[in-house]
């Protein structure tokens, strides 16, 4: 039977395991890079509120069961895992608010929050695994960007849960302060309810004026 020759074309899609594991962390440990921190952010897309980043160093002997990309978990499961992560791991959280986001853009503000979360860890990591295509600048150790990292690394998955739960709680609190916008319902995302509230009441201090449609509204106001 004729053997099929290997393709000289690269794979179109990088393999992502069905659930995150600890293999990248253990490989780093074998190379002498320990401890390993995972970092991720929540809130890059909304029209309002901060972007929140978390950094987590898991205890390899006490990793909570069920860690996964926060977007794949129910709110109740995220909340339960949030508590377990804080009980068993080294955790740090940082955020970048709307003023900084508007001044330096959302990508830089997200990476800066990641940087500050990593630097805030009580235990200094030897390696940082960062979700996405970019490494947070200014960390004092080796860093590696991991595409779809929250689906591949347990440390990054834990960070995604901490960041998501923390931000959701912040936006729930914002809903009591700025009651007209319903932040507790949509966490600042551009839902129809939120857009109607902006149309009726204008922007509040939590809104990101560099984001559309707020940026367009601001430009039109300047012209008028």
C-alpha atoms as a PDB file:
ATOM      1  CA  UNK A   1       0.000   0.000   0.000  1.00  0.00           C
ATOM      2  CA  UNK A   2       1.312   3.417  -0.959  1.00  0.00           C
ATOM      3  CA  UNK A   3       2.366   5.495   2.045  1.00  0.00           C
ATOM      4  CA  UNK A   4       0.968   8.970   2.333  1.00  0.00           C
ATOM      5  CA  UNK A   5       3.641  11.627   2.384  1.00  0.00           C
ATOM      6  CA  UNK A   6       3.631  14.164   5.167  1.00  0.00           C
ATOM      7  CA  UNK A   7       2.112  17.521   4.355  1.00  0.00           C
ATOM      8  CA  UNK A   8       4.480  20.444   4.067  1.00  0.00           C
ATOM      9  CA  UNK A   9       1.699  22.859   5.038  1.00  0.00           C
ATOM     10  CA  UNK A  10       1.481  24.015   8.657  1.00  0.00           C
ATOM     11  CA  UNK A  11      -1.583  23.169  10.685  1.00  0.00           C
ATOM     12  CA  UNK A  12      -4.295  25.782  10.315  1.00  0.00           C
ATOM     13  CA  UNK A  13      -5.398  25.506  13.916  1.00  0.00           C
ATOM     14  CA  UNK A  14      -3.317  24.879  17.016  1.00  0.00           C
ATOM     15  CA  UNK A  15      -4.503  21.899  19.042  1.00  0.00           C
ATOM     16  CA  UNK A  16      -6.391  22.849  22.182  1.00  0.00           C
ATOM     17  CA  UNK A  17      -7.030  20.083  24.731  1.00  0.00           C
ATOM     18  CA  UNK A  18     -10.621  19.444  25.869  1.00  0.00           C
ATOM     19  CA  UNK A  19      -9.758  20.863  29.275  1.00  0.00           C
ATOM     20  CA  UNK A  20      -6.768  22.692  30.761  1.00  0.00           C
ATOM     21  CA  UNK A  21      -4.004  20.735  32.422  1.00  0.00           C
ATOM     22  CA  UNK A  22      -0.806  21.312  34.397  1.00  0.00           C
ATOM     23  CA  UNK A  23       1.664  20.140  31.755  1.00  0.00           C
ATOM     24  CA  UNK A  24       3.204  23.536  30.950  1.00  0.00           C
ATOM     25  CA  UNK A  25       3.740  24.222  34.624  1.00  0.00           C
ATOM     26  CA  UNK A  26       5.351  20.818  35.253  1.00  0.00           C
ATOM     27  CA  UNK A  27       7.580  21.206  32.201  1.00  0.00           C
ATOM     28  CA  UNK A  28       8.761  24.569  33.531  1.00  0.00           C
ATOM     29  CA  UNK A  29       9.412  22.997  36.927  1.00  0.00           C
ATOM     30  CA  UNK A  30      11.642  20.380  35.316  1.00  0.00           C
ATOM     31  CA  UNK A  31      13.636  23.232  33.750  1.00  0.00           C
ATOM     32  CA  UNK A  32      14.088  24.863  37.154  1.00  0.00           C
ATOM     33  CA  UNK A  33      11.505  27.581  36.563  1.00  0.00           C
ATOM     34  CA  UNK A  34       9.389  27.414  39.697  1.00  0.00           C
ATOM     35  CA  UNK A  35       7.018  28.700  40.873  1.00  0.00           C
ATOM     36  CA  UNK A  36       4.868  29.349  37.806  1.00  0.00           C
ATOM     37  CA  UNK A  37       2.125  31.978  37.751  1.00  0.00           C
ATOM     38  CA  UNK A  38      -0.784  32.137  35.362  1.00  0.00           C
ATOM     39  CA  UNK A  39      -2.325  35.482  34.504  1.00  0.00           C
ATOM     40  CA  UNK A  40      -5.470  36.476  32.651  1.00  0.00           C
ATOM     41  CA  UNK A  41      -7.858  39.408  32.413  1.00  0.00           C
ATOM     42  CA  UNK A  42     -11.596  40.015  32.268  1.00  0.00           C
ATOM     43  CA  UNK A  43     -13.418  42.947  30.753  1.00  0.00           C
ATOM     44  CA  UNK A  44     -11.612  43.964  27.576  1.00  0.00           C
ATOM     45  CA  UNK A  45     -14.801  44.243  25.543  1.00  0.00           C
ATOM     46  CA  UNK A  46     -17.342  46.202  27.638  1.00  0.00           C
ATOM     47  CA  UNK A  47     -18.261  49.851  27.125  1.00  0.00           C
ATOM     48  CA  UNK A  48     -17.893  50.578  30.825  1.00  0.00           C
ATOM     49  CA  UNK A  49     -15.977  49.580  33.933  1.00  0.00           C
ATOM     50  CA  UNK A  50     -12.401  48.454  34.528  1.00  0.00           C
ATOM     51  CA  UNK A  51     -10.424  45.672  32.968  1.00  0.00           C
ATOM     52  CA  UNK A  52      -9.404  43.324  35.800  1.00  0.00           C
ATOM     53  CA  UNK A  53      -6.388  41.018  35.791  1.00  0.00           C
ATOM     54  CA  UNK A  54      -5.470  38.217  38.171  1.00  0.00           C
ATOM     55  CA  UNK A  55      -2.261  36.274  38.712  1.00  0.00           C
ATOM     56  CA  UNK A  56      -2.375  32.860  40.387  1.00  0.00           C
ATOM     57  CA  UNK A  57       0.282  30.429  41.591  1.00  0.00           C
ATOM     58  CA  UNK A  58      -1.368  27.059  42.172  1.00  0.00           C
ATOM     59  CA  UNK A  59      -0.216  24.556  44.783  1.00  0.00           C
ATOM     60  CA  UNK A  60       0.537  21.453  42.663  1.00  0.00           C
ATOM     61  CA  UNK A  61      -0.481  19.241  45.587  1.00  0.00           C
ATOM     62  CA  UNK A  62      -3.803  21.009  46.142  1.00  0.00           C
ATOM     63  CA  UNK A  63      -5.299  22.115  42.819  1.00  0.00           C
ATOM     64  CA  UNK A  64      -9.073  22.672  43.008  1.00  0.00           C
ATOM     65  CA  UNK A  65     -11.110  20.260  40.892  1.00  0.00           C
ATOM     66  CA  UNK A  66     -13.030  21.663  37.948  1.00  0.00           C
ATOM     67  CA  UNK A  67     -10.782  24.544  36.903  1.00  0.00           C
ATOM     68  CA  UNK A  68     -11.551  25.679  33.374  1.00  0.00           C
ATOM     69  CA  UNK A  69     -11.893  28.739  31.186  1.00  0.00           C
ATOM     70  CA  UNK A  70     -14.228  31.005  33.194  1.00  0.00           C
ATOM     71  CA  UNK A  71     -16.472  31.500  30.142  1.00  0.00           C
ATOM     72  CA  UNK A  72     -17.257  27.763  30.133  1.00  0.00           C
ATOM     73  CA  UNK A  73     -18.443  27.749  33.751  1.00  0.00           C
ATOM     74  CA  UNK A  74     -21.726  28.773  35.319  1.00  0.00           C
ATOM     75  CA  UNK A  75     -21.753  31.710  37.707  1.00  0.00           C
ATOM     76  CA  UNK A  76     -22.322  29.373  40.662  1.00  0.00           C
ATOM     77  CA  UNK A  77     -19.378  27.180  39.639  1.00  0.00           C
ATOM     78  CA  UNK A  78     -17.115  30.225  39.180  1.00  0.00           C
ATOM     79  CA  UNK A  79     -18.049  31.527  42.604  1.00  0.00           C
ATOM     80  CA  UNK A  80     -17.337  28.183  44.265  1.00  0.00           C
ATOM     81  CA  UNK A  81     -13.990  27.825  42.509  1.00  0.00           C
ATOM     82  CA  UNK A  82     -13.097  31.432  43.298  1.00  0.00           C
ATOM     83  CA  UNK A  83     -13.326  30.619  47.008  1.00  0.00           C
ATOM     84  CA  UNK A  84     -11.283  27.423  46.626  1.00  0.00           C
ATOM     85  CA  UNK A  85      -8.583  29.197  44.610  1.00  0.00           C
ATOM     86  CA  UNK A  86      -8.196  31.875  47.271  1.00  0.00           C
ATOM     87  CA  UNK A  87      -7.984  29.204  49.975  1.00  0.00           C
ATOM     88  CA  UNK A  88      -5.319  27.096  48.257  1.00  0.00           C
ATOM     89  CA  UNK A  89      -3.264  29.406  46.025  1.00  0.00           C
ATOM     90  CA  UNK A  90      -1.177  32.559  45.931  1.00  0.00           C
ATOM     91  CA  UNK A  91      -3.373  35.207  44.291  1.00  0.00           C
ATOM     92  CA  UNK A  92      -3.031  38.833  43.266  1.00  0.00           C
ATOM     93  CA  UNK A  93      -5.527  41.106  41.475  1.00  0.00           C
ATOM     94  CA  UNK A  94      -5.089  44.474  39.735  1.00  0.00           C
ATOM     95  CA  UNK A  95      -7.281  46.615  37.501  1.00  0.00           C
ATOM     96  CA  UNK A  96      -7.099  49.433  34.969  1.00  0.00           C
ATOM     97  CA  UNK A  97      -9.976  51.909  35.000  1.00  0.00           C
ATOM     98  CA  UNK A  98     -11.713  53.771  32.172  1.00  0.00           C
ATOM     99  CA  UNK A  99      -9.420  56.809  32.369  1.00  0.00           C
ATOM    100  CA  UNK A 100      -6.297  54.704  31.796  1.00  0.00           C
ATOM    101  CA  UNK A 101      -8.041  52.617  29.135  1.00  0.00           C
ATOM    102  CA  UNK A 102      -8.977  55.763  27.218  1.00  0.00           C
ATOM    103  CA  UNK A 103      -5.478  57.194  27.586  1.00  0.00           C
ATOM    104  CA  UNK A 104      -3.311  54.235  26.542  1.00  0.00           C
ATOM    105  CA  UNK A 105      -5.865  51.886  24.830  1.00  0.00           C
ATOM    106  CA  UNK A 106      -7.459  48.688  26.084  1.00  0.00           C
ATOM    107  CA  UNK A 107      -4.638  46.304  25.095  1.00  0.00           C
ATOM    108  CA  UNK A 108      -1.966  48.265  26.934  1.00  0.00           C
ATOM    109  CA  UNK A 109      -4.254  48.816  29.915  1.00  0.00           C
ATOM    110  CA  UNK A 110      -4.967  45.072  30.084  1.00  0.00           C
ATOM    111  CA  UNK A 111      -1.285  44.155  29.914  1.00  0.00           C
ATOM    112  CA  UNK A 112      -0.460  46.764  32.545  1.00  0.00           C
ATOM    113  CA  UNK A 113      -3.072  45.280  34.886  1.00  0.00           C
ATOM    114  CA  UNK A 114      -1.524  41.843  34.286  1.00  0.00           C
ATOM    115  CA  UNK A 115       1.924  43.248  35.059  1.00  0.00           C
ATOM    116  CA  UNK A 116       0.752  44.757  38.342  1.00  0.00           C
ATOM    117  CA  UNK A 117      -1.100  41.577  39.294  1.00  0.00           C
ATOM    118  CA  UNK A 118       2.079  39.528  38.781  1.00  0.00           C
ATOM    119  CA  UNK A 119       4.221  42.009  40.704  1.00  0.00           C
ATOM    120  CA  UNK A 120       1.690  41.931  43.545  1.00  0.00           C
ATOM    121  CA  UNK A 121       2.105  38.199  44.210  1.00  0.00           C
ATOM    122  CA  UNK A 122       3.483  37.412  47.668  1.00  0.00           C
ATOM    123  CA  UNK A 123       5.654  34.704  46.095  1.00  0.00           C
ATOM    124  CA  UNK A 124       7.796  35.818  43.159  1.00  0.00           C
ATOM    125  CA  UNK A 125       7.301  33.539  40.122  1.00  0.00           C
ATOM    126  CA  UNK A 126      10.132  32.305  37.913  1.00  0.00           C
ATOM    127  CA  UNK A 127       7.803  32.006  34.908  1.00  0.00           C
ATOM    128  CA  UNK A 128       4.571  33.758  33.959  1.00  0.00           C
ATOM    129  CA  UNK A 129       2.097  32.133  31.586  1.00  0.00           C
ATOM    130  CA  UNK A 130      -0.081  34.888  30.123  1.00  0.00           C
ATOM    131  CA  UNK A 131      -3.299  34.281  28.246  1.00  0.00           C
ATOM    132  CA  UNK A 132      -3.329  35.633  24.697  1.00  0.00           C
ATOM    133  CA  UNK A 133      -0.776  36.727  22.127  1.00  0.00           C
ATOM    134  CA  UNK A 134       1.109  39.260  24.244  1.00  0.00           C
ATOM    135  CA  UNK A 135       3.333  39.067  27.292  1.00  0.00           C
ATOM    136  CA  UNK A 136       2.817  41.616  30.077  1.00  0.00           C
ATOM    137  CA  UNK A 137       5.801  43.997  29.989  1.00  0.00           C
ATOM    138  CA  UNK A 138       7.932  44.763  33.011  1.00  0.00           C
ATOM    139  CA  UNK A 139       7.637  41.490  34.929  1.00  0.00           C
ATOM    140  CA  UNK A 140      10.842  40.462  36.678  1.00  0.00           C
ATOM    141  CA  UNK A 141      11.002  36.922  35.290  1.00  0.00           C
ATOM    142  CA  UNK A 142      10.567  34.911  32.115  1.00  0.00           C
ATOM    143  CA  UNK A 143       7.121  35.234  30.523  1.00  0.00           C
ATOM    144  CA  UNK A 144       5.305  33.260  27.844  1.00  0.00           C
ATOM    145  CA  UNK A 145       2.176  34.237  25.915  1.00  0.00           C
ATOM    146  CA  UNK A 146      -0.206  31.288  25.526  1.00  0.00           C
ATOM    147  CA  UNK A 147      -2.962  31.552  22.923  1.00  0.00           C
ATOM    148  CA  UNK A 148      -6.219  30.182  24.362  1.00  0.00           C
ATOM    149  CA  UNK A 149      -4.291  29.785  27.581  1.00  0.00           C
ATOM    150  CA  UNK A 150      -7.379  29.633  29.786  1.00  0.00           C
ATOM    151  CA  UNK A 151      -8.330  26.431  27.945  1.00  0.00           C
ATOM    152  CA  UNK A 152      -4.822  24.962  28.116  1.00  0.00           C
ATOM    153  CA  UNK A 153      -3.235  25.857  31.458  1.00  0.00           C
ATOM    154  CA  UNK A 154      -4.782  25.283  34.864  1.00  0.00           C
ATOM    155  CA  UNK A 155      -2.905  28.289  36.251  1.00  0.00           C
ATOM    156  CA  UNK A 156      -4.295  30.590  33.579  1.00  0.00           C
ATOM    157  CA  UNK A 157      -7.764  29.087  33.991  1.00  0.00           C
ATOM    158  CA  UNK A 158      -7.606  29.846  37.713  1.00  0.00           C
ATOM    159  CA  UNK A 159      -6.571  33.415  36.951  1.00  0.00           C
ATOM    160  CA  UNK A 160      -9.450  33.774  34.483  1.00  0.00           C
ATOM    161  CA  UNK A 161     -11.913  32.719  37.186  1.00  0.00           C
ATOM    162  CA  UNK A 162     -10.511  35.124  39.774  1.00  0.00           C
ATOM    163  CA  UNK A 163     -10.493  38.019  37.291  1.00  0.00           C
ATOM    164  CA  UNK A 164     -14.029  37.301  36.074  1.00  0.00           C
ATOM    165  CA  UNK A 165     -15.598  36.915  39.519  1.00  0.00           C
ATOM    166  CA  UNK A 166     -13.793  39.994  40.845  1.00  0.00           C
ATOM    167  CA  UNK A 167     -14.910  42.143  37.925  1.00  0.00           C
ATOM    168  CA  UNK A 168     -18.503  40.884  38.069  1.00  0.00           C
ATOM    169  CA  UNK A 169     -18.668  41.815  41.732  1.00  0.00           C
ATOM    170  CA  UNK A 170     -17.255  45.261  40.979  1.00  0.00           C
ATOM    171  CA  UNK A 171     -19.882  45.826  38.301  1.00  0.00           C
ATOM    172  CA  UNK A 172     -22.661  44.622  40.586  1.00  0.00           C
ATOM    173  CA  UNK A 173     -21.524  47.265  43.073  1.00  0.00           C
ATOM    174  CA  UNK A 174     -21.399  49.818  40.252  1.00  0.00           C
ATOM    175  CA  UNK A 175     -25.043  49.017  39.555  1.00  0.00           C
ATOM    176  CA  UNK A 176     -26.010  50.317  42.975  1.00  0.00           C
ATOM    177  CA  UNK A 177     -24.012  53.529  42.496  1.00  0.00           C
ATOM    178  CA  UNK A 178     -25.075  54.228  38.902  1.00  0.00           C
ATOM    179  CA  UNK A 179     -28.512  52.632  39.031  1.00  0.00           C
ATOM    180  CA  UNK A 180     -29.755  54.032  35.703  1.00  0.00           C
ATOM    181  CA  UNK A 181     -27.442  51.823  33.619  1.00  0.00           C
ATOM    182  CA  UNK A 182     -28.115  48.322  34.962  1.00  0.00           C
ATOM    183  CA  UNK A 183     -24.442  47.418  35.303  1.00  0.00           C
ATOM    184  CA  UNK A 184     -25.361  44.538  37.607  1.00  0.00           C
ATOM    185  CA  UNK A 185     -27.234  42.942  34.690  1.00  0.00           C
ATOM    186  CA  UNK A 186     -24.770  43.289  31.796  1.00  0.00           C
ATOM    187  CA  UNK A 187     -21.408  44.115  33.472  1.00  0.00           C
ATOM    188  CA  UNK A 188     -20.922  47.065  31.125  1.00  0.00           C
ATOM    189  CA  UNK A 189     -21.237  45.188  27.840  1.00  0.00           C
ATOM    190  CA  UNK A 190     -23.059  46.859  24.948  1.00  0.00           C
ATOM    191  CA  UNK A 191     -26.411  45.168  25.366  1.00  0.00           C
ATOM    192  CA  UNK A 192     -29.615  46.813  24.087  1.00  0.00           C
ATOM    193  CA  UNK A 193     -30.568  47.702  27.667  1.00  0.00           C
ATOM    194  CA  UNK A 194     -27.218  49.391  28.235  1.00  0.00           C
ATOM    195  CA  UNK A 195     -27.288  51.261  24.916  1.00  0.00           C
ATOM    196  CA  UNK A 196     -30.774  52.576  25.626  1.00  0.00           C
ATOM    197  CA  UNK A 197     -29.604  53.782  29.044  1.00  0.00           C
ATOM    198  CA  UNK A 198     -26.667  55.632  27.482  1.00  0.00           C
ATOM    199  CA  UNK A 199     -29.020  57.233  24.959  1.00  0.00           C
ATOM    200  CA  UNK A 200     -31.364  58.318  27.736  1.00  0.00           C
ATOM    201  CA  UNK A 201     -28.845  59.440  30.360  1.00  0.00           C
ATOM    202  CA  UNK A 202     -25.550  60.024  28.547  1.00  0.00           C
ATOM    203  CA  UNK A 203     -22.258  58.623  29.804  1.00  0.00           C
ATOM    204  CA  UNK A 204     -21.173  58.245  33.425  1.00  0.00           C
ATOM    205  CA  UNK A 205     -17.611  58.213  34.850  1.00  0.00           C
ATOM    206  CA  UNK A 206     -17.384  54.444  34.344  1.00  0.00           C
ATOM    207  CA  UNK A 207     -17.833  54.638  30.576  1.00  0.00           C
ATOM    208  CA  UNK A 208     -14.904  54.202  28.186  1.00  0.00           C
ATOM    209  CA  UNK A 209     -15.128  57.227  25.932  1.00  0.00           C
ATOM    210  CA  UNK A 210     -12.634  55.754  23.438  1.00  0.00           C
ATOM    211  CA  UNK A 211     -15.079  52.931  22.633  1.00  0.00           C
ATOM    212  CA  UNK A 212     -17.821  53.122  20.030  1.00  0.00           C
ATOM    213  CA  UNK A 213     -20.569  54.281  20.118  1.00  0.00           C
ATOM    214  CA  UNK A 214     -19.350  56.579  22.904  1.00  0.00           C
ATOM    215  CA  UNK A 215     -16.388  57.759  20.834  1.00  0.00           C
ATOM    216  CA  UNK A 216     -18.693  58.594  17.942  1.00  0.00           C
ATOM    217  CA  UNK A 217     -21.061  60.458  20.258  1.00  0.00           C
ATOM    218  CA  UNK A 218     -18.154  62.415  21.712  1.00  0.00           C
ATOM    219  CA  UNK A 219     -16.887  63.346  18.232  1.00  0.00           C
ATOM    220  CA  UNK A 220     -20.346  64.478  17.154  1.00  0.00           C
ATOM    221  CA  UNK A 221     -20.670  66.605  20.309  1.00  0.00           C
ATOM    222  CA  UNK A 222     -17.325  68.277  19.564  1.00  0.00           C
ATOM    223  CA  UNK A 223     -18.457  69.108  16.016  1.00  0.00           C
ATOM    224  CA  UNK A 224     -21.724  70.522  17.256  1.00  0.00           C
END
